[in-house]
Amino acid sequence: MKIDTISWLILEELQYNSRIPLTEIAKKIGTSSPTVSERIQKMEDAGIIKGYETKLNLEKIGYPMSVFISAKIRFGMLEKFNEVVQKSIEITECHSITGNDCLLLRANIKDINHLETLNTSLAQYGELTTSLVLSSSIENRIYKKRNVNI
């Protein structure tokens, strides 16, 4: 599916607020609500729109700190490590990567003691390098037609 300018404008609005009424999107981009609805449905069917999410304020639910953990897993331990990661609610992302380490995880933690407990549970499977996030200049990139090469 080719994404034209109108579809990009719809995608931009949905990225800012996925609960925005279709009538409001239509008004903002200068088209009709049925057109917006039809295009959204086509982009959902094509897999361009994968879903709609609620973003939580992690600090307000008791997880004020974020960390990245690079892991170099020992031979034969990857499956067990992945089982532990799947059960650890504080780990929100786990990516297989290139370079010296094989995995990059993102976790949200309550405090330094929580981090120490998490690291201890993961360290039995390999070497870890943990970095505490001090601040984030970009958390959720809004993709627009002008910043995507198409």
Protein backbone atom coordinates (compact mmCIF):
# COMPACT_ATOMS: atom_id res chain seq x y z
CA MET A 1 0.00 0.00 0.00
CA LYS A 2 1.34 3.40 -0.96
CA ILE A 3 0.95 6.02 1.74
CA ASP A 4 -0.10 9.34 0.23
CA THR A 5 -0.13 12.77 1.87
CA ILE A 6 -3.64 12.40 3.33
CA SER A 7 -2.80 9.02 4.86
CA TRP A 8 0.40 10.50 6.33
CA LEU A 9 -1.62 13.31 7.90
CA ILE A 10 -3.99 10.74 9.42
CA LEU A 11 -1.05 8.72 10.75
CA GLU A 12 0.48 11.83 12.26
CA GLU A 13 -2.74 12.69 14.12
CA LEU A 14 -3.15 9.12 15.38
CA GLN A 15 0.44 9.09 16.67
CA TYR A 16 -0.22 12.21 18.71
CA ASN A 17 -3.51 10.87 20.05
CA SER A 18 -4.88 7.48 19.01
CA ARG A 19 -8.21 8.31 20.68
CA ILE A 20 -8.86 11.41 18.57
CA PRO A 21 -12.36 11.35 17.04
CA LEU A 22 -12.44 10.71 13.30
CA THR A 23 -14.45 13.90 12.84
CA GLU A 24 -11.62 15.89 14.42
CA ILE A 25 -9.01 14.27 12.17
CA ALA A 26 -11.19 14.99 9.15
CA LYS A 27 -11.56 18.63 10.17
CA LYS A 28 -7.81 19.06 10.77
CA ILE A 29 -6.74 17.57 7.45
CA GLY A 30 -9.61 18.88 5.31
CA THR A 31 -11.42 15.70 4.32
CA SER A 32 -14.54 13.75 5.37
CA SER A 33 -14.96 11.38 8.32
CA PRO A 34 -15.84 8.43 6.03
CA THR A 35 -12.60 9.03 4.09
CA VAL A 36 -10.60 9.02 7.33
CA SER A 37 -12.35 5.87 8.52
CA GLU A 38 -11.78 4.06 5.22
CA ARG A 39 -8.11 5.00 5.09
CA ILE A 40 -7.53 3.93 8.69
CA GLN A 41 -9.19 0.58 7.95
CA LYS A 42 -7.01 0.08 4.86
CA MET A 43 -3.86 0.92 6.83
CA GLU A 44 -4.90 -1.50 9.57
CA ASP A 45 -5.56 -4.23 6.98
CA ALA A 46 -2.17 -3.57 5.36
CA GLY A 47 -0.41 -3.82 8.74
CA ILE A 48 0.77 -0.21 8.66
CA ILE A 49 -1.22 0.48 11.82
CA LYS A 50 -0.41 -2.40 14.17
CA GLY A 51 -2.57 -1.33 17.10
CA TYR A 52 -3.44 1.36 19.60
CA GLU A 53 -1.75 1.74 22.96
CA THR A 54 -2.12 3.48 26.27
CA LYS A 55 1.04 5.15 27.51
CA LEU A 56 1.48 4.90 31.27
CA ASN A 57 3.23 7.38 33.52
CA LEU A 58 5.59 4.84 35.06
CA GLU A 59 6.65 7.17 37.83
CA LYS A 60 3.06 7.42 39.05
CA ILE A 61 2.69 3.62 39.19
CA GLY A 62 5.89 3.11 41.16
CA TYR A 63 8.58 2.62 38.49
CA PRO A 64 10.34 6.01 38.31
CA MET A 65 13.70 4.81 36.97
CA SER A 66 14.62 3.35 33.58
CA VAL A 67 17.73 1.38 32.70
CA PHE A 68 19.25 -0.22 29.65
CA ILE A 69 20.99 -3.53 30.21
CA SER A 70 23.41 -4.93 27.65
CA ALA A 71 23.87 -8.65 28.07
CA LYS A 72 26.47 -11.07 26.78
CA ILE A 73 24.85 -14.46 27.45
CA ARG A 74 26.94 -17.56 28.10
CA PHE A 75 26.79 -20.38 25.56
CA GLY A 76 23.74 -22.58 26.11
CA MET A 77 22.04 -20.14 28.50
CA LEU A 78 20.01 -18.05 26.04
CA GLU A 79 16.80 -20.07 26.32
CA LYS A 80 16.83 -19.97 30.13
CA PHE A 81 17.69 -16.26 30.07
CA ASN A 82 14.75 -15.56 27.76
CA GLU A 83 12.42 -17.46 30.11
CA VAL A 84 13.52 -15.25 33.01
CA VAL A 85 13.15 -12.09 30.90
CA GLN A 86 9.62 -13.06 29.83
CA LYS A 87 8.59 -13.43 33.50
CA SER A 88 10.25 -10.19 34.69
CA ILE A 89 7.56 -7.51 34.59
CA GLU A 90 10.10 -4.71 34.91
CA ILE A 91 11.71 -5.64 31.57
CA THR A 92 9.74 -3.86 28.85
CA GLU A 93 11.95 -4.52 25.82
CA CYS A 94 14.47 -7.15 24.78
CA HIS A 95 16.33 -6.86 21.48
CA SER A 96 18.86 -9.13 19.79
CA ILE A 97 21.72 -6.87 18.67
CA THR A 98 25.05 -6.89 16.85
CA GLY A 99 28.35 -5.95 18.47
CA ASN A 100 30.07 -7.17 21.62
CA ASP A 101 26.82 -7.93 23.43
CA CYS A 102 24.01 -10.08 22.12
CA LEU A 103 20.97 -8.55 23.82
CA LEU A 104 19.80 -5.09 24.82
CA LEU A 105 17.04 -4.82 27.41
CA ARG A 106 15.08 -1.89 28.73
CA ALA A 107 13.70 -2.10 32.24
CA ASN A 108 11.74 0.15 34.55
CA ILE A 109 12.59 -0.13 38.22
CA LYS A 110 11.40 1.16 41.58
CA ASP A 111 14.78 2.05 43.06
CA ILE A 112 18.45 1.04 43.21
CA ASN A 113 17.68 -1.99 45.41
CA HIS A 114 15.21 -3.17 42.79
CA LEU A 115 17.91 -2.76 40.12
CA GLU A 116 20.38 -4.77 42.19
CA THR A 117 17.84 -7.58 42.58
CA LEU A 118 17.10 -7.56 38.85
CA ASN A 119 20.78 -7.56 37.90
CA THR A 120 21.50 -10.40 40.32
CA SER A 121 18.74 -12.53 38.77
CA LEU A 122 20.06 -11.88 35.24
CA ALA A 123 23.82 -12.00 35.92
CA GLN A 124 23.81 -15.78 36.44
CA TYR A 125 23.30 -16.14 32.68
CA GLY A 126 26.13 -13.91 31.48
CA GLU A 127 27.85 -10.54 31.66
CA LEU A 128 25.75 -7.41 32.10
CA THR A 129 26.40 -3.74 31.56
CA THR A 130 23.71 -1.55 33.09
CA SER A 131 23.13 2.10 32.25
CA LEU A 132 20.72 4.28 34.18
CA VAL A 133 18.64 6.65 32.03
CA LEU A 134 19.11 10.21 33.32
CA SER A 135 16.81 11.85 30.78
CA SER A 136 15.41 11.23 27.31
CA SER A 137 15.40 13.78 24.51
CA ILE A 138 13.19 11.57 22.31
CA GLU A 139 10.78 9.02 23.73
CA ASN A 140 8.19 8.55 21.03
CA ARG A 141 9.15 9.77 17.59
CA ILE A 142 6.19 11.05 15.59
CA TYR A 143 6.72 9.88 12.01
CA LYS A 144 5.71 12.39 9.40
CA LYS A 145 5.91 12.23 5.63
CA ARG A 146 8.70 14.80 5.59
CA ASN A 147 10.98 12.75 7.88
CA VAL A 148 10.46 9.34 6.27
CA ASN A 149 12.09 8.43 2.98
CA ILE A 150 9.39 7.01 0.73
